[in-house]
Amino acid sequence: RLLPVVLRRKFAARGLCHDGAANFGRFDHLFRNNISRKSRSAYLSDSKTFSMTNEEFREIADGSCYFCGKQTDASVPHFNGLDRLNSTRRIYTTTSVVACCSTCNM
């Protein structure tokens, strides 16, 4: 029963975040930790186009999840990746991607 509640909150937060309509609140403690730290080269091997340096990639990926607020924390461990704001464009730039946890990036 928890999963539908989590998904409803996640999708509501994503929609509100994109629309800028309201602050839905943070509930990142409900999401699982992503224990693998994906590197920029791993994204490149997935046939994606990058126009970011390693430093720009790491700066964004080390940030809090844009959608739920889950923070990268090596002591937990949890690592965020990247999510494109417009999934129809396969180009990763500093203005087209945000930090995203694996739960929100599904």
PDB file of N, CA and C in Angstrom:
ATOM      1  N   ARG A   1       0.805  -1.206   0.000  1.00  0.00           N
ATOM      2  CA  ARG A   1       0.000   0.000   0.000  1.00  0.00           C
ATOM      3  C   ARG A   1       0.850   1.273   0.000  1.00  0.00           C
ATOM      4  N   LEU A   2       2.061   1.169   0.505  1.00  0.00           N
ATOM      5  CA  LEU A   2       2.923   2.345   0.550  1.00  0.00           C
ATOM      6  C   LEU A   2       3.312   2.803  -0.848  1.00  0.00           C
ATOM      7  N   LEU A   3       3.563   1.871  -1.749  1.00  0.00           N
ATOM      8  CA  LEU A   3       4.029   2.237  -3.080  1.00  0.00           C
ATOM      9  C   LEU A   3       3.085   3.190  -3.798  1.00  0.00           C
ATOM     10  N   PRO A   4       1.772   2.927  -3.865  1.00  0.00           N
ATOM     11  CA  PRO A   4       0.905   3.886  -4.550  1.00  0.00           C
ATOM     12  C   PRO A   4       0.952   5.283  -3.932  1.00  0.00           C
ATOM     13  N   VAL A   5       1.050   5.370  -2.622  1.00  0.00           N
ATOM     14  CA  VAL A   5       1.139   6.672  -1.955  1.00  0.00           C
ATOM     15  C   VAL A   5       2.421   7.375  -2.366  1.00  0.00           C
ATOM     16  N   VAL A   6       3.525   6.643  -2.351  1.00  0.00           N
ATOM     17  CA  VAL A   6       4.813   7.218  -2.740  1.00  0.00           C
ATOM     18  C   VAL A   6       4.765   7.684  -4.184  1.00  0.00           C
ATOM     19  N   LEU A   7       4.224   6.859  -5.067  1.00  0.00           N
ATOM     20  CA  LEU A   7       4.154   7.241  -6.479  1.00  0.00           C
ATOM     21  C   LEU A   7       3.264   8.458  -6.684  1.00  0.00           C
ATOM     22  N   ARG A   8       2.142   8.517  -5.997  1.00  0.00           N
ATOM     23  CA  ARG A   8       1.263   9.687  -6.134  1.00  0.00           C
ATOM     24  C   ARG A   8       1.992  10.946  -5.685  1.00  0.00           C
ATOM     25  N   ARG A   9       2.696  10.857  -4.568  1.00  0.00           N
ATOM     26  CA  ARG A   9       3.445  12.017  -4.074  1.00  0.00           C
ATOM     27  C   ARG A   9       4.546  12.402  -5.050  1.00  0.00           C
ATOM     28  N   LYS A  10       5.235  11.385  -5.566  1.00  0.00           N
ATOM     29  CA  LYS A  10       6.333  11.652  -6.491  1.00  0.00           C
ATOM     30  C   LYS A  10       5.835  12.353  -7.744  1.00  0.00           C
ATOM     31  N   PHE A  11       4.775  11.826  -8.345  1.00  0.00           N
ATOM     32  CA  PHE A  11       4.256  12.416  -9.575  1.00  0.00           C
ATOM     33  C   PHE A  11       3.667  13.797  -9.316  1.00  0.00           C
ATOM     34  N   ALA A  12       3.026  13.981  -8.184  1.00  0.00           N
ATOM     35  CA  ALA A  12       2.494  15.301  -7.840  1.00  0.00           C
ATOM     36  C   ALA A  12       3.628  16.297  -7.665  1.00  0.00           C
ATOM     37  N   ALA A  13       4.673  15.892  -6.975  1.00  0.00           N
ATOM     38  CA  ALA A  13       5.816  16.783  -6.757  1.00  0.00           C
ATOM     39  C   ALA A  13       6.494  17.114  -8.069  1.00  0.00           C
ATOM     40  N   ARG A  14       6.638  16.133  -8.946  1.00  0.00           N
ATOM     41  CA  ARG A  14       7.265  16.383 -10.247  1.00  0.00           C
ATOM     42  C   ARG A  14       6.455  17.388 -11.030  1.00  0.00           C
ATOM     43  N   GLY A  15       5.145  17.210 -11.062  1.00  0.00           N
ATOM     44  CA  GLY A  15       4.282  18.130 -11.800  1.00  0.00           C
ATOM     45  C   GLY A  15       4.328  19.533 -11.231  1.00  0.00           C
ATOM     46  N   LEU A  16       4.271  19.656  -9.928  1.00  0.00           N
ATOM     47  CA  LEU A  16       4.311  20.971  -9.299  1.00  0.00           C
ATOM     48  C   LEU A  16       5.661  21.631  -9.492  1.00  0.00           C
ATOM     49  N   CYS A  17       6.708  20.844  -9.453  1.00  0.00           N
ATOM     50  CA  CYS A  17       8.051  21.378  -9.633  1.00  0.00           C
ATOM     51  C   CYS A  17       8.201  21.940 -11.047  1.00  0.00           C
ATOM     52  N   HIS A  18       7.722  21.204 -12.041  1.00  0.00           N
ATOM     53  CA  HIS A  18       7.809  21.669 -13.426  1.00  0.00           C
ATOM     54  C   HIS A  18       6.909  22.872 -13.672  1.00  0.00           C
ATOM     55  N   ASP A  19       5.706  22.868 -13.092  1.00  0.00           N
ATOM     56  CA  ASP A  19       4.763  23.956 -13.310  1.00  0.00           C
ATOM     57  C   ASP A  19       5.088  25.187 -12.477  1.00  0.00           C
ATOM     58  N   GLY A  20       5.846  24.991 -11.422  1.00  0.00           N
ATOM     59  CA  GLY A  20       6.159  26.094 -10.534  1.00  0.00           C
ATOM     60  C   GLY A  20       4.950  26.564  -9.741  1.00  0.00           C
ATOM     61  N   ALA A  21       3.946  25.694  -9.576  1.00  0.00           N
ATOM     62  CA  ALA A  21       2.684  26.100  -8.964  1.00  0.00           C
ATOM     63  C   ALA A  21       2.750  26.175  -7.447  1.00  0.00           C
ATOM     64  N   ALA A  22       3.510  25.302  -6.826  1.00  0.00           N
ATOM     65  CA  ALA A  22       3.500  25.271  -5.365  1.00  0.00           C
ATOM     66  C   ALA A  22       4.681  24.471  -4.846  1.00  0.00           C
ATOM     67  N   ASN A  23       4.893  24.549  -3.552  1.00  0.00           N
ATOM     68  CA  ASN A  23       5.901  23.720  -2.902  1.00  0.00           C
ATOM     69  C   ASN A  23       5.173  22.542  -2.276  1.00  0.00           C
ATOM     70  N   PHE A  24       5.334  21.368  -2.860  1.00  0.00           N
ATOM     71  CA  PHE A  24       4.608  20.176  -2.424  1.00  0.00           C
ATOM     72  C   PHE A  24       5.177  19.590  -1.149  1.00  0.00           C
ATOM     73  N   GLY A  25       6.410  19.899  -0.847  1.00  0.00           N
ATOM     74  CA  GLY A  25       7.058  19.310   0.320  1.00  0.00           C
ATOM     75  C   GLY A  25       8.071  18.263  -0.093  1.00  0.00           C
ATOM     76  N   ARG A  26       8.889  17.845   0.837  1.00  0.00           N
ATOM     77  CA  ARG A  26       9.938  16.864   0.564  1.00  0.00           C
ATOM     78  C   ARG A  26       9.609  15.554   1.248  1.00  0.00           C
ATOM     79  N   PHE A  27       9.851  14.449   0.547  1.00  0.00           N
ATOM     80  CA  PHE A  27       9.578  13.124   1.098  1.00  0.00           C
ATOM     81  C   PHE A  27      10.617  12.132   0.622  1.00  0.00           C
ATOM     82  N   ASP A  28      11.841  12.633   0.435  1.00  0.00           N
ATOM     83  CA  ASP A  28      12.917  11.803  -0.097  1.00  0.00           C
ATOM     84  C   ASP A  28      13.261  10.632   0.819  1.00  0.00           C
ATOM     85  N   HIS A  29      12.916  10.707   2.096  1.00  0.00           N
ATOM     86  CA  HIS A  29      13.203   9.602   3.016  1.00  0.00           C
ATOM     87  C   HIS A  29      12.425   8.336   2.644  1.00  0.00           C
ATOM     88  N   LEU A  30      11.383   8.462   1.827  1.00  0.00           N
ATOM     89  CA  LEU A  30      10.596   7.302   1.407  1.00  0.00           C
ATOM     90  C   LEU A  30      11.234   6.556   0.238  1.00  0.00           C
ATOM     91  N   PHE A  31      12.217   7.167  -0.418  1.00  0.00           N
ATOM     92  CA  PHE A  31      12.807   6.580  -1.617  1.00  0.00           C
ATOM     93  C   PHE A  31      14.080   5.822  -1.278  1.00  0.00           C
ATOM     94  N   ARG A  32      14.352   4.792  -2.050  1.00  0.00           N
ATOM     95  CA  ARG A  32      15.540   3.974  -1.811  1.00  0.00           C
ATOM     96  C   ARG A  32      16.803   4.736  -2.200  1.00  0.00           C
ATOM     97  N   ASN A  33      17.916   4.302  -1.654  1.00  0.00           N
ATOM     98  CA  ASN A  33      19.206   4.902  -1.982  1.00  0.00           C
ATOM     99  C   ASN A  33      19.770   4.265  -3.237  1.00  0.00           C
ATOM    100  N   ASN A  34      20.404   5.076  -4.058  1.00  0.00           N
ATOM    101  CA  ASN A  34      21.120   4.596  -5.230  1.00  0.00           C
ATOM    102  C   ASN A  34      22.586   4.499  -4.833  1.00  0.00           C
ATOM    103  N   ILE A  35      23.102   3.279  -4.741  1.00  0.00           N
ATOM    104  CA  ILE A  35      24.456   3.102  -4.206  1.00  0.00           C
ATOM    105  C   ILE A  35      25.545   3.127  -5.273  1.00  0.00           C
ATOM    106  N   SER A  36      25.167   3.229  -6.548  1.00  0.00           N
ATOM    107  CA  SER A  36      26.197   3.294  -7.589  1.00  0.00           C
ATOM    108  C   SER A  36      26.335   4.731  -8.077  1.00  0.00           C
ATOM    109  N   ARG A  37      27.559   5.184  -8.120  1.00  0.00           N
ATOM    110  CA  ARG A  37      27.841   6.539  -8.587  1.00  0.00           C
ATOM    111  C   ARG A  37      28.189   6.458 -10.063  1.00  0.00           C
ATOM    112  N   LYS A  38      27.271   6.883 -10.910  1.00  0.00           N
ATOM    113  CA  LYS A  38      27.480   6.797 -12.352  1.00  0.00           C
ATOM    114  C   LYS A  38      28.376   7.948 -12.803  1.00  0.00           C
ATOM    115  N   SER A  39      29.345   7.625 -13.608  1.00  0.00           N
ATOM    116  CA  SER A  39      30.277   8.639 -14.089  1.00  0.00           C
ATOM    117  C   SER A  39      29.799   9.212 -15.418  1.00  0.00           C
ATOM    118  N   ARG A  40      30.390  10.319 -15.788  1.00  0.00           N
ATOM    119  CA  ARG A  40      30.060  10.944 -17.067  1.00  0.00           C
ATOM    120  C   ARG A  40      30.334   9.980 -18.212  1.00  0.00           C
ATOM    121  N   SER A  41      31.407   9.220 -18.137  1.00  0.00           N
ATOM    122  CA  SER A  41      31.736   8.276 -19.211  1.00  0.00           C
ATOM    123  C   SER A  41      30.681   7.182 -19.329  1.00  0.00           C
ATOM    124  N   ALA A  42      30.039   6.803 -18.216  1.00  0.00           N
ATOM    125  CA  ALA A  42      28.964   5.808 -18.279  1.00  0.00           C
ATOM    126  C   ALA A  42      27.766   6.366 -19.038  1.00  0.00           C
ATOM    127  N   TYR A  43      27.471   7.647 -18.856  1.00  0.00           N
ATOM    128  CA  TYR A  43      26.391   8.266 -19.625  1.00  0.00           C
ATOM    129  C   TYR A  43      26.754   8.304 -21.101  1.00  0.00           C
ATOM    130  N   LEU A  44      28.014   8.616 -21.400  1.00  0.00           N
ATOM    131  CA  LEU A  44      28.453   8.680 -22.794  1.00  0.00           C
ATOM    132  C   LEU A  44      28.368   7.320 -23.469  1.00  0.00           C
ATOM    133  N   SER A  45      28.625   6.253 -22.733  1.00  0.00           N
ATOM    134  CA  SER A  45      28.571   4.916 -23.329  1.00  0.00           C
ATOM    135  C   SER A  45      27.144   4.492 -23.652  1.00  0.00           C
ATOM    136  N   ASP A  46      26.153   5.223 -23.123  1.00  0.00           N
ATOM    137  CA  ASP A  46      24.752   4.935 -23.423  1.00  0.00           C
ATOM    138  C   ASP A  46      24.281   5.672 -24.672  1.00  0.00           C
ATOM    139  N   SER A  47      25.198   6.107 -25.526  1.00  0.00           N
ATOM    140  CA  SER A  47      24.897   6.796 -26.786  1.00  0.00           C
ATOM    141  C   SER A  47      24.129   8.094 -26.575  1.00  0.00           C
ATOM    142  N   LYS A  48      24.516   8.835 -25.572  1.00  0.00           N
ATOM    143  CA  LYS A  48      23.899  10.127 -25.318  1.00  0.00           C
ATOM    144  C   LYS A  48      24.897  11.214 -25.686  1.00  0.00           C
ATOM    145  N   THR A  49      24.389  12.358 -26.092  1.00  0.00           N
ATOM    146  CA  THR A  49      25.243  13.458 -26.505  1.00  0.00           C
ATOM    147  C   THR A  49      25.447  14.415 -25.342  1.00  0.00           C
ATOM    148  N   PHE A  50      26.696  14.674 -25.021  1.00  0.00           N
ATOM    149  CA  PHE A  50      27.059  15.558 -23.921  1.00  0.00           C
ATOM    150  C   PHE A  50      27.748  16.798 -24.448  1.00  0.00           C
ATOM    151  N   SER A  51      27.418  17.925 -23.864  1.00  0.00           N
ATOM    152  CA  SER A  51      28.210  19.133 -24.102  1.00  0.00           C
ATOM    153  C   SER A  51      28.543  19.756 -22.751  1.00  0.00           C
ATOM    154  N   MET A  52      28.979  18.885 -21.826  1.00  0.00           N
ATOM    155  CA  MET A  52      29.371  19.313 -20.484  1.00  0.00           C
ATOM    156  C   MET A  52      30.752  18.757 -20.171  1.00  0.00           C
ATOM    157  N   THR A  53      31.463  19.488 -19.362  1.00  0.00           N
ATOM    158  CA  THR A  53      32.750  18.986 -18.886  1.00  0.00           C
ATOM    159  C   THR A  53      32.500  18.026 -17.721  1.00  0.00           C
ATOM    160  N   ASN A  54      33.537  17.297 -17.330  1.00  0.00           N
ATOM    161  CA  ASN A  54      33.428  16.420 -16.157  1.00  0.00           C
ATOM    162  C   ASN A  54      33.055  17.216 -14.906  1.00  0.00           C
ATOM    163  N   GLU A  55      33.623  18.403 -14.773  1.00  0.00           N
ATOM    164  CA  GLU A  55      33.344  19.237 -13.605  1.00  0.00           C
ATOM    165  C   GLU A  55      31.887  19.684 -13.585  1.00  0.00           C
ATOM    166  N   GLU A  56      31.355  20.101 -14.740  1.00  0.00           N
ATOM    167  CA  GLU A  56      29.952  20.517 -14.812  1.00  0.00           C
ATOM    168  C   GLU A  56      29.023  19.346 -14.517  1.00  0.00           C
ATOM    169  N   PHE A  57      29.343  18.172 -15.064  1.00  0.00           N
ATOM    170  CA  PHE A  57      28.555  16.966 -14.806  1.00  0.00           C
ATOM    171  C   PHE A  57      28.514  16.665 -13.312  1.00  0.00           C
ATOM    172  N   ARG A  58      29.682  16.631 -12.669  1.00  0.00           N
ATOM    173  CA  ARG A  58      29.762  16.279 -11.250  1.00  0.00           C
ATOM    174  C   ARG A  58      29.060  17.321 -10.386  1.00  0.00           C
ATOM    175  N   GLU A  59      29.193  18.605 -10.739  1.00  0.00           N
ATOM    176  CA  GLU A  59      28.541  19.662  -9.959  1.00  0.00           C
ATOM    177  C   GLU A  59      27.019  19.485  -9.959  1.00  0.00           C
ATOM    178  N   ILE A  60      26.440  19.157 -11.103  1.00  0.00           N
ATOM    179  CA  ILE A  60      24.989  18.957 -11.179  1.00  0.00           C
ATOM    180  C   ILE A  60      24.591  17.667 -10.474  1.00  0.00           C
ATOM    181  N   ALA A  61      25.270  16.560 -10.783  1.00  0.00           N
ATOM    182  CA  ALA A  61      24.904  15.255 -10.214  1.00  0.00           C
ATOM    183  C   ALA A  61      25.073  15.217  -8.697  1.00  0.00           C
ATOM    184  N   ASP A  62      25.973  16.012  -8.157  1.00  0.00           N
ATOM    185  CA  ASP A  62      26.183  16.044  -6.707  1.00  0.00           C
ATOM    186  C   ASP A  62      25.133  16.876  -5.976  1.00  0.00           C
ATOM    187  N   GLY A  63      24.250  17.536  -6.723  1.00  0.00           N
ATOM    188  CA  GLY A  63      23.210  18.348  -6.104  1.00  0.00           C
ATOM    189  C   GLY A  63      22.036  17.514  -5.612  1.00  0.00           C
ATOM    190  N   SER A  64      21.101  18.175  -4.951  1.00  0.00           N
ATOM    191  CA  SER A  64      19.879  17.520  -4.480  1.00  0.00           C
ATOM    192  C   SER A  64      18.978  17.202  -5.664  1.00  0.00           C
ATOM    193  N   CYS A  65      18.206  16.122  -5.546  1.00  0.00           N
ATOM    194  CA  CYS A  65      17.257  15.760  -6.597  1.00  0.00           C
ATOM    195  C   CYS A  65      16.313  16.935  -6.844  1.00  0.00           C
ATOM    196  N   TYR A  66      16.176  17.327  -8.087  1.00  0.00           N
ATOM    197  CA  TYR A  66      15.335  18.451  -8.490  1.00  0.00           C
ATOM    198  C   TYR A  66      13.879  18.219  -8.102  1.00  0.00           C
ATOM    199  N   PHE A  67      13.449  16.957  -8.074  1.00  0.00           N
ATOM    200  CA  PHE A  67      12.040  16.642  -7.876  1.00  0.00           C
ATOM    201  C   PHE A  67      11.665  16.372  -6.423  1.00  0.00           C
ATOM    202  N   CYS A  68      12.486  15.628  -5.690  1.00  0.00           N
ATOM    203  CA  CYS A  68      12.106  15.258  -4.318  1.00  0.00           C
ATOM    204  C   CYS A  68      13.047  15.813  -3.264  1.00  0.00           C
ATOM    205  N   GLY A  69      14.205  16.320  -3.670  1.00  0.00           N
ATOM    206  CA  GLY A  69      15.141  16.912  -2.724  1.00  0.00           C
ATOM    207  C   GLY A  69      16.154  15.958  -2.118  1.00  0.00           C
ATOM    208  N   LYS A  70      16.130  14.672  -2.524  1.00  0.00           N
ATOM    209  CA  LYS A  70      17.082  13.700  -1.962  1.00  0.00           C
ATOM    210  C   LYS A  70      18.504  14.140  -2.306  1.00  0.00           C
ATOM    211  N   GLN A  71      19.361  14.197  -1.290  1.00  0.00           N
ATOM    212  CA  GLN A  71      20.719  14.691  -1.472  1.00  0.00           C
ATOM    213  C   GLN A  71      21.712  13.559  -1.678  1.00  0.00           C
ATOM    214  N   THR A  72      22.711  13.821  -2.524  1.00  0.00           N
ATOM    215  CA  THR A  72      23.825  12.898  -2.655  1.00  0.00           C
ATOM    216  C   THR A  72      24.559  12.865  -1.324  1.00  0.00           C
ATOM    217  N   ASP A  73      24.817  11.663  -0.827  1.00  0.00           N
ATOM    218  CA  ASP A  73      25.474  11.516   0.471  1.00  0.00           C
ATOM    219  C   ASP A  73      26.286  10.226   0.460  1.00  0.00           C
ATOM    220  N   ALA A  74      27.598  10.350   0.353  1.00  0.00           N
ATOM    221  CA  ALA A  74      28.470   9.176   0.276  1.00  0.00           C
ATOM    222  C   ALA A  74      28.476   8.383   1.573  1.00  0.00           C
ATOM    223  N   SER A  75      28.105   8.997   2.692  1.00  0.00           N
ATOM    224  CA  SER A  75      28.116   8.276   3.964  1.00  0.00           C
ATOM    225  C   SER A  75      26.923   7.339   4.111  1.00  0.00           C
ATOM    226  N   VAL A  76      25.870   7.515   3.321  1.00  0.00           N
ATOM    227  CA  VAL A  76      24.656   6.695   3.458  1.00  0.00           C
ATOM    228  C   VAL A  76      24.810   5.321   2.834  1.00  0.00           C
ATOM    229  N   PRO A  77      25.249   5.007   1.686  1.00  0.00           N
ATOM    230  CA  PRO A  77      25.567   5.862   0.550  1.00  0.00           C
ATOM    231  C   PRO A  77      24.354   6.085  -0.361  1.00  0.00           C
ATOM    232  N   HIS A  78      24.319   7.256  -0.987  1.00  0.00           N
ATOM    233  CA  HIS A  78      23.312   7.570  -2.006  1.00  0.00           C
ATOM    234  C   HIS A  78      23.928   8.543  -2.994  1.00  0.00           C
ATOM    235  N   PHE A  79      23.726   8.283  -4.282  1.00  0.00           N
ATOM    236  CA  PHE A  79      24.248   9.153  -5.334  1.00  0.00           C
ATOM    237  C   PHE A  79      23.143   9.469  -6.327  1.00  0.00           C
ATOM    238  N   ASN A  80      23.017  10.739  -6.683  1.00  0.00           N
ATOM    239  CA  ASN A  80      22.065  11.156  -7.708  1.00  0.00           C
ATOM    240  C   ASN A  80      22.721  11.077  -9.077  1.00  0.00           C
ATOM    241  N   GLY A  81      21.888  10.999 -10.086  1.00  0.00           N
ATOM    242  CA  GLY A  81      22.345  11.047 -11.468  1.00  0.00           C
ATOM    243  C   GLY A  81      21.776  12.285 -12.133  1.00  0.00           C
ATOM    244  N   LEU A  82      21.568  12.205 -13.439  1.00  0.00           N
ATOM    245  CA  LEU A  82      21.017  13.322 -14.200  1.00  0.00           C
ATOM    246  C   LEU A  82      19.697  12.920 -14.836  1.00  0.00           C
ATOM    247  N   ASP A  83      18.830  13.891 -15.029  1.00  0.00           N
ATOM    248  CA  ASP A  83      17.583  13.699 -15.758  1.00  0.00           C
ATOM    249  C   ASP A  83      17.409  14.883 -16.689  1.00  0.00           C
ATOM    250  N   ARG A  84      17.025  14.586 -17.924  1.00  0.00           N
ATOM    251  CA  ARG A  84      16.761  15.663 -18.877  1.00  0.00           C
ATOM    252  C   ARG A  84      15.386  16.254 -18.591  1.00  0.00           C
ATOM    253  N   LEU A  85      15.277  17.566 -18.619  1.00  0.00           N
ATOM    254  CA  LEU A  85      13.987  18.217 -18.410  1.00  0.00           C
ATOM    255  C   LEU A  85      13.065  17.983 -19.599  1.00  0.00           C
ATOM    256  N   ASN A  86      13.642  17.825 -20.787  1.00  0.00           N
ATOM    257  CA  ASN A  86      12.872  17.511 -21.990  1.00  0.00           C
ATOM    258  C   ASN A  86      13.424  16.204 -22.545  1.00  0.00           C
ATOM    259  N   SER A  87      12.727  15.113 -22.292  1.00  0.00           N
ATOM    260  CA  SER A  87      13.238  13.789 -22.664  1.00  0.00           C
ATOM    261  C   SER A  87      13.255  13.534 -24.164  1.00  0.00           C
ATOM    262  N   THR A  88      12.635  14.390 -24.949  1.00  0.00           N
ATOM    263  CA  THR A  88      12.665  14.194 -26.400  1.00  0.00           C
ATOM    264  C   THR A  88      13.999  14.640 -26.992  1.00  0.00           C
ATOM    265  N   ARG A  89      14.762  15.438 -26.257  1.00  0.00           N
ATOM    266  CA  ARG A  89      16.087  15.872 -26.714  1.00  0.00           C
ATOM    267  C   ARG A  89      17.140  15.048 -26.004  1.00  0.00           C
ATOM    268  N   ARG A  90      17.996  14.388 -26.757  1.00  0.00           N
ATOM    269  CA  ARG A  90      19.000  13.493 -26.176  1.00  0.00           C
ATOM    270  C   ARG A  90      20.307  14.212 -25.849  1.00  0.00           C
ATOM    271  N   ILE A  91      20.300  15.524 -25.928  1.00  0.00           N
ATOM    272  CA  ILE A  91      21.513  16.291 -25.660  1.00  0.00           C
ATOM    273  C   ILE A  91      21.544  16.709 -24.192  1.00  0.00           C
ATOM    274  N   TYR A  92      22.650  16.408 -23.538  1.00  0.00           N
ATOM    275  CA  TYR A  92      22.849  16.763 -22.135  1.00  0.00           C
ATOM    276  C   TYR A  92      23.689  18.034 -22.060  1.00  0.00           C
ATOM    277  N   THR A  93      23.064  19.122 -21.609  1.00  0.00           N
ATOM    278  CA  THR A  93      23.770  20.382 -21.407  1.00  0.00           C
ATOM    279  C   THR A  93      23.509  20.853 -19.979  1.00  0.00           C
ATOM    280  N   THR A  94      24.241  21.851 -19.541  1.00  0.00           N
ATOM    281  CA  THR A  94      24.057  22.352 -18.180  1.00  0.00           C
ATOM    282  C   THR A  94      22.682  22.978 -17.985  1.00  0.00           C
ATOM    283  N   THR A  95      22.024  23.385 -19.058  1.00  0.00           N
ATOM    284  CA  THR A  95      20.692  23.989 -18.939  1.00  0.00           C
ATOM    285  C   THR A  95      19.562  23.008 -19.221  1.00  0.00           C
ATOM    286  N   SER A  96      19.880  21.807 -19.714  1.00  0.00           N
ATOM    287  CA  SER A  96      18.812  20.860 -20.065  1.00  0.00           C
ATOM    288  C   SER A  96      18.688  19.695 -19.094  1.00  0.00           C
ATOM    289  N   VAL A  97      19.567  19.628 -18.088  1.00  0.00           N
ATOM    290  CA  VAL A  97      19.520  18.516 -17.136  1.00  0.00           C
ATOM    291  C   VAL A  97      19.485  19.034 -15.702  1.00  0.00           C
ATOM    292  N   VAL A  98      19.003  18.174 -14.822  1.00  0.00           N
ATOM    293  CA  VAL A  98      18.972  18.468 -13.386  1.00  0.00           C
ATOM    294  C   VAL A  98      19.433  17.228 -12.642  1.00  0.00           C
ATOM    295  N   ALA A  99      19.852  17.412 -11.399  1.00  0.00           N
ATOM    296  CA  ALA A  99      20.165  16.261 -10.548  1.00  0.00           C
ATOM    297  C   ALA A  99      18.871  15.515 -10.272  1.00  0.00           C
ATOM    298  N   CYS A 100      18.966  14.179 -10.261  1.00  0.00           N
ATOM    299  CA  CYS A 100      17.759  13.382 -10.076  1.00  0.00           C
ATOM    300  C   CYS A 100      18.113  12.057  -9.413  1.00  0.00           C
ATOM    301  N   CYS A 101      17.329  11.674  -8.399  1.00  0.00           N
ATOM    302  CA  CYS A 101      17.543  10.367  -7.773  1.00  0.00           C
ATOM    303  C   CYS A 101      16.958   9.289  -8.683  1.00  0.00           C
ATOM    304  N   SER A 102      17.331   8.058  -8.450  1.00  0.00           N
ATOM    305  CA  SER A 102      16.887   6.975  -9.335  1.00  0.00           C
ATOM    306  C   SER A 102      15.387   6.735  -9.243  1.00  0.00           C
ATOM    307  N   THR A 103      14.769   7.009  -8.103  1.00  0.00           N
ATOM    308  CA  THR A 103      13.329   6.810  -7.978  1.00  0.00           C
ATOM    309  C   THR A 103      12.564   7.809  -8.829  1.00  0.00           C
ATOM    310  N   CYS A 104      12.968   9.059  -8.807  1.00  0.00           N
ATOM    311  CA  CYS A 104      12.279  10.081  -9.598  1.00  0.00           C
ATOM    312  C   CYS A 104      12.599   9.969 -11.082  1.00  0.00           C
ATOM    313  N   ASN A 105      13.718   9.357 -11.413  1.00  0.00           N
ATOM    314  CA  ASN A 105      14.131   9.242 -12.812  1.00  0.00           C
ATOM    315  C   ASN A 105      13.706   7.894 -13.373  1.00  0.00           C
ATOM    316  N   MET A 106      12.405   7.645 -13.390  1.00  0.00           N
ATOM    317  CA  MET A 106      11.939   6.374 -13.940  1.00  0.00           C
ATOM    318  C   MET A 106      11.108   6.560 -15.160  1.00  0.00           C
TER     319      MET A 106
END
